[in-house]
C-alpha atoms as a PDB file:
ATOM      1  CA  MET A   1       8.446 -40.243  -5.231  1.00  0.00           C
ATOM      2  CA  SER A   2       8.171 -37.740  -2.340  1.00  0.00           C
ATOM      3  CA  ALA A   3       6.594 -34.341  -2.555  1.00  0.00           C
ATOM      4  CA  LEU A   4       9.999 -32.698  -2.407  1.00  0.00           C
ATOM      5  CA  GLU A   5      11.288 -34.855  -5.316  1.00  0.00           C
ATOM      6  CA  GLY A   6       8.318 -33.939  -7.526  1.00  0.00           C
ATOM      7  CA  GLY A   7       8.150 -30.294  -6.710  1.00  0.00           C
ATOM      8  CA  LEU A   8       9.182 -27.226  -8.818  1.00  0.00           C
ATOM      9  CA  PRO A   9      12.324 -25.231  -8.231  1.00  0.00           C
ATOM     10  CA  ALA A  10      11.847 -22.237  -5.893  1.00  0.00           C
ATOM     11  CA  PRO A  11      12.588 -19.693  -8.659  1.00  0.00           C
ATOM     12  CA  ASP A  12       9.851 -21.239 -10.910  1.00  0.00           C
ATOM     13  CA  VAL A  13       7.277 -21.124  -8.068  1.00  0.00           C
ATOM     14  CA  ALA A  14       8.256 -17.474  -7.204  1.00  0.00           C
ATOM     15  CA  VAL A  15       7.792 -16.465 -10.800  1.00  0.00           C
ATOM     16  CA  LEU A  16       4.404 -18.303 -10.950  1.00  0.00           C
ATOM     17  CA  LEU A  17       3.174 -16.609  -7.772  1.00  0.00           C
ATOM     18  CA  ASN A  18       4.219 -13.239  -8.977  1.00  0.00           C
ATOM     19  CA  GLU A  19       2.462 -13.819 -12.296  1.00  0.00           C
ATOM     20  CA  ALA A  20      -0.708 -15.139 -10.513  1.00  0.00           C
ATOM     21  CA  ALA A  21      -0.914 -12.431  -7.857  1.00  0.00           C
ATOM     22  CA  GLY A  22       0.111  -9.407  -9.910  1.00  0.00           C
ATOM     23  CA  ALA A  23       0.985  -6.307  -8.064  1.00  0.00           C
ATOM     24  CA  GLY A  24      -1.996  -6.424  -5.694  1.00  0.00           C
ATOM     25  CA  VAL A  25      -2.708  -7.733  -2.212  1.00  0.00           C
ATOM     26  CA  VAL A  26      -2.907 -11.396  -1.505  1.00  0.00           C
ATOM     27  CA  TRP A  27      -5.122 -11.921   1.563  1.00  0.00           C
ATOM     28  CA  CYS A  28      -3.934 -14.640   4.046  1.00  0.00           C
ATOM     29  CA  ASP A  29      -5.079 -15.863   7.381  1.00  0.00           C
ATOM     30  CA  GLY A  30      -1.755 -17.364   8.601  1.00  0.00           C
ATOM     31  CA  GLY A  31      -0.151 -14.070   9.603  1.00  0.00           C
ATOM     32  CA  GLY A  32       3.476 -14.553  10.455  1.00  0.00           C
ATOM     33  CA  TYR A  33       3.554 -18.068   9.303  1.00  0.00           C
ATOM     34  CA  ASP A  34       2.535 -17.098   5.736  1.00  0.00           C
ATOM     35  CA  ALA A  35       5.014 -14.174   5.785  1.00  0.00           C
ATOM     36  CA  HIS A  36       7.781 -16.475   6.979  1.00  0.00           C
ATOM     37  CA  TRP A  37       7.243 -19.028   4.191  1.00  0.00           C
ATOM     38  CA  LEU A  38       6.730 -16.393   1.508  1.00  0.00           C
ATOM     39  CA  ARG A  39      10.119 -14.797   2.448  1.00  0.00           C
ATOM     40  CA  ALA A  40      11.795 -18.251   2.557  1.00  0.00           C
ATOM     41  CA  LEU A  41      10.423 -19.120  -0.934  1.00  0.00           C
ATOM     42  CA  PHE A  42      11.397 -15.834  -2.523  1.00  0.00           C
ATOM     43  CA  GLN A  43      14.862 -15.850  -0.892  1.00  0.00           C
ATOM     44  CA  ALA A  44      15.505 -19.347  -2.206  1.00  0.00           C
ATOM     45  CA  GLY A  45      14.322 -18.259  -5.617  1.00  0.00           C
ATOM     46  CA  GLY A  46      16.453 -15.147  -5.594  1.00  0.00           C
ATOM     47  CA  LEU A  47      13.426 -12.941  -6.287  1.00  0.00           C
ATOM     48  CA  LYS A  48      11.184 -10.417  -4.575  1.00  0.00           C
ATOM     49  CA  PRO A  49       7.426 -10.755  -4.436  1.00  0.00           C
ATOM     50  CA  GLY A  50       5.538  -8.366  -6.687  1.00  0.00           C
ATOM     51  CA  PHE A  51       2.625  -8.359  -4.182  1.00  0.00           C
ATOM     52  CA  VAL A  52       2.045  -7.882  -0.529  1.00  0.00           C
ATOM     53  CA  LEU A  53       0.383 -10.061   2.110  1.00  0.00           C
ATOM     54  CA  GLY A  54      -2.777  -8.666   3.532  1.00  0.00           C
ATOM     55  CA  ASN A  55      -4.206  -9.788   6.811  1.00  0.00           C
ATOM     56  CA  TRP A  56      -7.625 -11.556   6.239  1.00  0.00           C
ATOM     57  CA  HIS A  57      -8.822 -10.748   9.771  1.00  0.00           C
ATOM     58  CA  ALA A  58      -8.106  -6.996   9.249  1.00  0.00           C
ATOM     59  CA  LEU A  59     -10.045  -7.221   5.905  1.00  0.00           C
ATOM     60  CA  LEU A  60     -12.942  -8.828   7.675  1.00  0.00           C
ATOM     61  CA  ARG A  61     -12.872  -6.127  10.442  1.00  0.00           C
ATOM     62  CA  SER A  62     -12.998  -3.468   7.757  1.00  0.00           C
ATOM     63  CA  LEU A  63     -16.308  -4.604   6.431  1.00  0.00           C
ATOM     64  CA  PRO A  64     -19.598  -3.129   7.548  1.00  0.00           C
ATOM     65  CA  ASP A  65     -21.099  -5.023  10.570  1.00  0.00           C
ATOM     66  CA  ALA A  66     -23.773  -6.779   8.553  1.00  0.00           C
ATOM     67  CA  SER A  67     -21.263  -7.901   5.827  1.00  0.00           C
ATOM     68  CA  ARG A  68     -18.801  -9.129   8.479  1.00  0.00           C
ATOM     69  CA  GLU A  69     -21.566 -11.102  10.278  1.00  0.00           C
ATOM     70  CA  ARG A  70     -22.640 -12.753   7.082  1.00  0.00           C
ATOM     71  CA  ALA A  71     -19.049 -13.704   6.231  1.00  0.00           C
ATOM     72  CA  MET A  72     -18.566 -15.124   9.751  1.00  0.00           C
ATOM     73  CA  ALA A  73     -21.777 -17.091   9.530  1.00  0.00           C
ATOM     74  CA  VAL A  74     -20.610 -18.708   6.341  1.00  0.00           C
ATOM     75  CA  LEU A  75     -17.319 -19.691   7.967  1.00  0.00           C
ATOM     76  CA  GLU A  76     -18.977 -21.006  11.015  1.00  0.00           C
ATOM     77  CA  ALA A  77     -21.391 -23.156   8.969  1.00  0.00           C
ATOM     78  CA  ALA A  78     -18.679 -24.545   6.788  1.00  0.00           C
ATOM     79  CA  THR A  79     -17.011 -27.908   7.408  1.00  0.00           C
ATOM     80  CA  PRO A  80     -13.545 -27.270   8.747  1.00  0.00           C
ATOM     81  CA  ARG A  81     -10.784 -27.919   6.208  1.00  0.00           C
ATOM     82  CA  HIS A  82      -7.053 -27.653   6.677  1.00  0.00           C
ATOM     83  CA  ARG A  83      -5.574 -27.393   3.206  1.00  0.00           C
ATOM     84  CA  ALA A  84      -4.210 -24.139   1.890  1.00  0.00           C
ATOM     85  CA  GLY A  85      -6.227 -24.171  -1.339  1.00  0.00           C
ATOM     86  CA  ALA A  86      -9.379 -25.256   0.323  1.00  0.00           C
ATOM     87  CA  ASP A  87      -8.918 -22.784   3.182  1.00  0.00           C
ATOM     88  CA  ALA A  88      -8.420 -19.876   0.692  1.00  0.00           C
ATOM     89  CA  GLU A  89     -11.471 -20.858  -1.315  1.00  0.00           C
ATOM     90  CA  GLN A  90     -13.482 -21.082   1.857  1.00  0.00           C
ATOM     91  CA  LEU A  91     -12.368 -17.547   3.023  1.00  0.00           C
ATOM     92  CA  MET A  92     -13.127 -15.998  -0.428  1.00  0.00           C
ATOM     93  CA  HIS A  93     -16.552 -17.665  -0.491  1.00  0.00           C
ATOM     94  CA  ALA A  94     -17.259 -16.221   3.023  1.00  0.00           C
ATOM     95  CA  LEU A  95     -16.091 -12.716   1.954  1.00  0.00           C
ATOM     96  CA  ALA A  96     -18.277 -12.864  -1.175  1.00  0.00           C
ATOM     97  CA  ALA A  97     -21.261 -13.934   0.831  1.00  0.00           C
ATOM     98  CA  GLY A  98     -20.619 -11.104   3.326  1.00  0.00           C
ATOM     99  CA  ILE A  99     -20.480  -8.510   0.613  1.00  0.00           C
ATOM    100  CA  LEU A 100     -23.114  -9.844  -1.774  1.00  0.00           C
ATOM    101  CA  SER A 101     -25.535 -11.610   0.370  1.00  0.00           C
ATOM    102  CA  SER A 102     -29.267 -10.685   0.318  1.00  0.00           C
ATOM    103  CA  GLY A 103     -29.559 -11.223   4.054  1.00  0.00           C
ATOM    104  CA  ASP A 104     -29.364 -15.062   4.290  1.00  0.00           C
ATOM    105  CA  PRO A 105     -25.994 -15.717   5.940  1.00  0.00           C
ATOM    106  CA  THR A 106     -25.608 -19.047   4.059  1.00  0.00           C
ATOM    107  CA  SER A 107     -26.543 -17.581   0.688  1.00  0.00           C
ATOM    108  CA  THR A 108     -23.860 -16.524  -1.888  1.00  0.00           C
ATOM    109  CA  ALA A 109     -26.204 -14.553  -4.122  1.00  0.00           C
END
């Protein structure tokens, strides 16, 4: 069975995304690509997203210098991954490290 044969219908996925994201901002690093696929999914599902996409890079630029540098150090030290879930997890880990770190750029506490 292919991934397309085993997937969920677009309306179901759109509802699940709206439920998971709520009415907030979903941070993404794919810019126009993420926006394109989000529009395509919700059009196919006949729904509108209840959330907006925020630009990860703009979020990072909005941090104080020390926080941004710690977050970037975490990303640079991480093994590159190219899966959407793993990418999102890695970005949020870096953001948390940038905001919460005690000064060690690889620390998350």
